[in-house]
Amino acid sequence: MAEELHFGRAAMRPYISQPSLSHRIRKLEEILGTPLFVRSSRRAGLTAAGRALIIPAHMRITAIRAHPPRGTAPRRARDDAAQVGR
């Protein structure tokens, strides 16, 4: 989402529906206690909190892909995106 700045296009990347992606992002925002995106009817932009999470999130995903927990099968990239906000 942070790369696309559009909920519909962002949802197509991990092959999940736009409403599902929106719901997961809102749930993550509730957990964090701060909005990550400024939303309008046509676009979305990152808040300061959203921008602050981009690099740590990419680093975490890269680390998980490089060293998956023992006993787990490698996962596809779309599975990583679906886990955000769960």
N, C-alpha and C. Protein backbone atom coordinates (compact mmCIF):
# COMPACT_ATOMS: atom_id res chain seq x y z
N MET A 1 0.82 -1.18 0.00
CA MET A 1 0.00 0.00 0.00
C MET A 1 0.87 1.24 0.00
N ALA A 2 1.92 1.23 0.80
CA ALA A 2 2.78 2.40 0.90
C ALA A 2 3.45 2.71 -0.44
N GLU A 3 3.68 1.71 -1.25
CA GLU A 3 4.32 1.94 -2.54
C GLU A 3 3.32 2.38 -3.60
N GLU A 4 2.12 1.85 -3.56
CA GLU A 4 1.11 2.17 -4.57
C GLU A 4 0.35 3.46 -4.26
N LEU A 5 0.10 3.72 -2.98
CA LEU A 5 -0.72 4.85 -2.52
C LEU A 5 -2.11 4.85 -3.16
N HIS A 6 -2.60 3.63 -3.40
CA HIS A 6 -3.94 3.45 -3.95
C HIS A 6 -4.42 2.07 -3.48
N PHE A 7 -5.54 2.04 -2.75
CA PHE A 7 -5.99 0.78 -2.16
C PHE A 7 -6.30 -0.29 -3.20
N GLY A 8 -6.94 0.07 -4.29
CA GLY A 8 -7.28 -0.89 -5.33
C GLY A 8 -6.07 -1.51 -5.98
N ARG A 9 -5.13 -0.68 -6.40
CA ARG A 9 -3.90 -1.21 -7.03
C ARG A 9 -3.06 -1.99 -6.04
N ALA A 10 -3.00 -1.52 -4.80
CA ALA A 10 -2.21 -2.22 -3.78
C ALA A 10 -2.80 -3.60 -3.50
N ALA A 11 -4.10 -3.73 -3.52
CA ALA A 11 -4.75 -5.01 -3.25
C ALA A 11 -4.46 -6.02 -4.36
N MET A 12 -4.26 -5.55 -5.59
CA MET A 12 -3.99 -6.47 -6.70
C MET A 12 -2.62 -7.12 -6.57
N ARG A 13 -1.66 -6.45 -5.96
CA ARG A 13 -0.31 -7.01 -5.84
C ARG A 13 -0.28 -8.31 -5.04
N PRO A 14 -0.88 -8.36 -3.84
CA PRO A 14 -0.86 -9.63 -3.10
C PRO A 14 -2.08 -10.50 -3.38
N TYR A 15 -2.89 -10.14 -4.39
CA TYR A 15 -4.06 -10.91 -4.79
C TYR A 15 -5.09 -11.02 -3.67
N ILE A 16 -5.35 -9.91 -3.00
CA ILE A 16 -6.44 -9.87 -2.02
C ILE A 16 -7.40 -8.76 -2.44
N SER A 17 -8.60 -8.80 -1.91
CA SER A 17 -9.58 -7.80 -2.30
C SER A 17 -9.27 -6.45 -1.65
N GLN A 18 -9.72 -5.38 -2.28
CA GLN A 18 -9.50 -4.04 -1.75
C GLN A 18 -10.16 -3.87 -0.39
N PRO A 19 -11.41 -4.34 -0.20
CA PRO A 19 -12.01 -4.19 1.14
C PRO A 19 -11.23 -4.93 2.22
N SER A 20 -10.71 -6.09 1.89
CA SER A 20 -9.92 -6.86 2.86
C SER A 20 -8.63 -6.12 3.22
N LEU A 21 -7.96 -5.57 2.22
CA LEU A 21 -6.75 -4.80 2.47
C LEU A 21 -7.06 -3.58 3.34
N SER A 22 -8.11 -2.86 3.01
CA SER A 22 -8.50 -1.68 3.78
C SER A 22 -8.79 -2.05 5.23
N HIS A 23 -9.50 -3.15 5.42
CA HIS A 23 -9.83 -3.61 6.77
C HIS A 23 -8.57 -3.93 7.57
N ARG A 24 -7.64 -4.63 6.94
CA ARG A 24 -6.40 -5.01 7.63
C ARG A 24 -5.55 -3.79 7.98
N ILE A 25 -5.53 -2.81 7.10
CA ILE A 25 -4.77 -1.59 7.38
C ILE A 25 -5.43 -0.83 8.52
N ARG A 26 -6.74 -0.72 8.51
CA ARG A 26 -7.45 -0.04 9.62
C ARG A 26 -7.20 -0.76 10.94
N LYS A 27 -7.19 -2.09 10.92
CA LYS A 27 -6.94 -2.86 12.13
C LYS A 27 -5.51 -2.59 12.64
N LEU A 28 -4.55 -2.54 11.73
CA LEU A 28 -3.18 -2.22 12.11
C LEU A 28 -3.09 -0.81 12.69
N GLU A 29 -3.80 0.13 12.09
CA GLU A 29 -3.81 1.50 12.60
C GLU A 29 -4.42 1.55 14.01
N GLU A 30 -5.45 0.75 14.24
CA GLU A 30 -6.04 0.69 15.59
C GLU A 30 -5.05 0.12 16.60
N ILE A 31 -4.34 -0.92 16.21
CA ILE A 31 -3.34 -1.53 17.10
C ILE A 31 -2.24 -0.53 17.42
N LEU A 32 -1.78 0.19 16.41
CA LEU A 32 -0.70 1.15 16.60
C LEU A 32 -1.18 2.44 17.25
N GLY A 33 -2.47 2.70 17.17
CA GLY A 33 -3.03 3.91 17.76
C GLY A 33 -2.77 5.17 16.97
N THR A 34 -2.51 5.02 15.68
CA THR A 34 -2.24 6.18 14.83
C THR A 34 -2.56 5.85 13.37
N PRO A 35 -3.06 6.81 12.60
CA PRO A 35 -3.29 6.54 11.18
C PRO A 35 -1.96 6.44 10.42
N LEU A 36 -1.92 5.55 9.46
CA LEU A 36 -0.73 5.38 8.61
C LEU A 36 -0.92 6.05 7.26
N PHE A 37 -2.19 6.30 6.89
CA PHE A 37 -2.50 6.89 5.60
C PHE A 37 -3.49 8.02 5.75
N VAL A 38 -3.35 9.02 4.88
CA VAL A 38 -4.35 10.08 4.72
C VAL A 38 -5.16 9.64 3.51
N ARG A 39 -6.45 9.47 3.67
CA ARG A 39 -7.28 8.92 2.61
C ARG A 39 -8.15 10.00 1.97
N SER A 40 -8.33 9.87 0.66
CA SER A 40 -9.32 10.68 -0.07
C SER A 40 -10.07 9.72 -0.97
N SER A 41 -11.03 10.21 -1.71
CA SER A 41 -11.81 9.33 -2.57
C SER A 41 -10.99 8.77 -3.74
N ARG A 42 -9.92 9.42 -4.09
CA ARG A 42 -9.11 8.98 -5.23
C ARG A 42 -7.73 8.46 -4.87
N ARG A 43 -7.17 8.95 -3.79
CA ARG A 43 -5.79 8.61 -3.46
C ARG A 43 -5.62 8.40 -1.97
N ALA A 44 -4.46 7.92 -1.63
CA ALA A 44 -4.05 7.81 -0.24
C ALA A 44 -2.62 8.30 -0.16
N GLY A 45 -2.29 8.96 0.91
CA GLY A 45 -0.93 9.42 1.14
C GLY A 45 -0.47 8.93 2.50
N LEU A 46 0.81 8.83 2.67
CA LEU A 46 1.37 8.38 3.94
C LEU A 46 1.39 9.50 4.97
N THR A 47 1.07 9.15 6.20
CA THR A 47 1.26 10.08 7.31
C THR A 47 2.73 9.97 7.74
N ALA A 48 3.14 10.79 8.68
CA ALA A 48 4.51 10.69 9.20
C ALA A 48 4.74 9.31 9.81
N ALA A 49 3.74 8.78 10.51
CA ALA A 49 3.87 7.44 11.10
C ALA A 49 4.01 6.38 10.01
N GLY A 50 3.25 6.52 8.93
CA GLY A 50 3.34 5.59 7.81
C GLY A 50 4.71 5.61 7.16
N ARG A 51 5.24 6.82 6.96
CA ARG A 51 6.58 6.94 6.38
C ARG A 51 7.63 6.33 7.31
N ALA A 52 7.44 6.49 8.60
CA ALA A 52 8.42 5.97 9.57
C ALA A 52 8.45 4.44 9.59
N LEU A 53 7.37 3.80 9.19
CA LEU A 53 7.31 2.33 9.22
C LEU A 53 7.80 1.65 7.96
N ILE A 54 7.97 2.38 6.88
CA ILE A 54 8.33 1.74 5.60
C ILE A 54 9.64 0.96 5.70
N ILE A 55 10.71 1.59 6.11
CA ILE A 55 12.01 0.91 6.14
C ILE A 55 12.02 -0.24 7.14
N PRO A 56 11.56 -0.04 8.39
CA PRO A 56 11.55 -1.19 9.31
C PRO A 56 10.69 -2.35 8.80
N ALA A 57 9.57 -2.05 8.15
CA ALA A 57 8.71 -3.12 7.63
C ALA A 57 9.42 -3.90 6.52
N HIS A 58 10.07 -3.20 5.60
CA HIS A 58 10.82 -3.87 4.54
C HIS A 58 11.96 -4.71 5.12
N MET A 59 12.64 -4.18 6.12
CA MET A 59 13.73 -4.92 6.75
C MET A 59 13.22 -6.20 7.42
N ARG A 60 12.08 -6.11 8.08
CA ARG A 60 11.51 -7.28 8.76
C ARG A 60 11.10 -8.34 7.75
N ILE A 61 10.44 -7.94 6.68
CA ILE A 61 10.02 -8.90 5.66
C ILE A 61 11.23 -9.56 5.02
N THR A 62 12.27 -8.78 4.73
CA THR A 62 13.50 -9.33 4.15
C THR A 62 14.14 -10.34 5.09
N ALA A 63 14.19 -10.01 6.38
CA ALA A 63 14.79 -10.92 7.37
C ALA A 63 13.99 -12.21 7.49
N ILE A 64 12.68 -12.12 7.47
CA ILE A 64 11.84 -13.32 7.57
C ILE A 64 12.03 -14.20 6.34
N ARG A 65 12.09 -13.58 5.18
CA ARG A 65 12.29 -14.35 3.95
C ARG A 65 13.66 -15.03 3.94
N ALA A 66 14.68 -14.33 4.45
CA ALA A 66 16.03 -14.88 4.45
C ALA A 66 16.21 -15.98 5.50
N HIS A 67 15.50 -15.86 6.61
CA HIS A 67 15.64 -16.81 7.72
C HIS A 67 14.28 -17.17 8.29
N PRO A 68 13.50 -17.97 7.55
CA PRO A 68 12.18 -18.33 8.06
C PRO A 68 12.29 -19.12 9.35
N PRO A 69 11.31 -19.00 10.23
CA PRO A 69 11.34 -19.78 11.47
C PRO A 69 11.45 -21.26 11.16
N ARG A 70 12.14 -22.00 12.01
CA ARG A 70 12.31 -23.44 11.78
C ARG A 70 10.96 -24.13 11.78
N GLY A 71 10.86 -25.12 10.90
CA GLY A 71 9.63 -25.90 10.83
C GLY A 71 8.54 -25.27 9.99
N THR A 72 8.86 -24.16 9.31
CA THR A 72 7.85 -23.56 8.45
C THR A 72 8.31 -23.65 7.01
N ALA A 73 7.35 -23.82 6.15
CA ALA A 73 7.65 -23.87 4.72
C ALA A 73 7.83 -22.45 4.21
N PRO A 74 8.68 -22.26 3.19
CA PRO A 74 8.80 -20.92 2.60
C PRO A 74 7.44 -20.44 2.10
N ARG A 75 7.19 -19.16 2.25
CA ARG A 75 5.92 -18.58 1.84
C ARG A 75 6.12 -17.66 0.66
N ARG A 76 5.05 -17.50 -0.09
CA ARG A 76 5.10 -16.59 -1.23
C ARG A 76 4.97 -15.16 -0.72
N ALA A 77 5.40 -14.20 -1.55
CA ALA A 77 5.36 -12.78 -1.19
C ALA A 77 3.96 -12.32 -0.84
N ARG A 78 2.95 -12.84 -1.53
CA ARG A 78 1.59 -12.38 -1.25
C ARG A 78 1.14 -12.79 0.14
N ASP A 79 1.67 -13.88 0.67
CA ASP A 79 1.32 -14.30 2.03
C ASP A 79 1.87 -13.32 3.06
N ASP A 80 3.06 -12.75 2.81
CA ASP A 80 3.63 -11.75 3.72
C ASP A 80 2.72 -10.54 3.80
N ALA A 81 2.26 -10.07 2.67
CA ALA A 81 1.41 -8.88 2.65
C ALA A 81 0.09 -9.13 3.36
N ALA A 82 -0.42 -10.34 3.24
CA ALA A 82 -1.69 -10.66 3.87
C ALA A 82 -1.59 -10.70 5.39
N GLN A 83 -0.39 -10.89 5.93
CA GLN A 83 -0.22 -10.98 7.37
C GLN A 83 -0.21 -9.63 8.05
N VAL A 84 0.04 -8.56 7.33
CA VAL A 84 0.10 -7.24 7.93
C VAL A 84 -1.23 -6.88 8.54
N GLY A 85 -1.22 -6.54 9.79
CA GLY A 85 -2.43 -6.11 10.47
C GLY A 85 -3.24 -7.22 11.10
N ARG A 86 -2.80 -8.44 11.01
CA ARG A 86 -3.55 -9.53 11.65
C ARG A 86 -3.28 -9.56 13.11
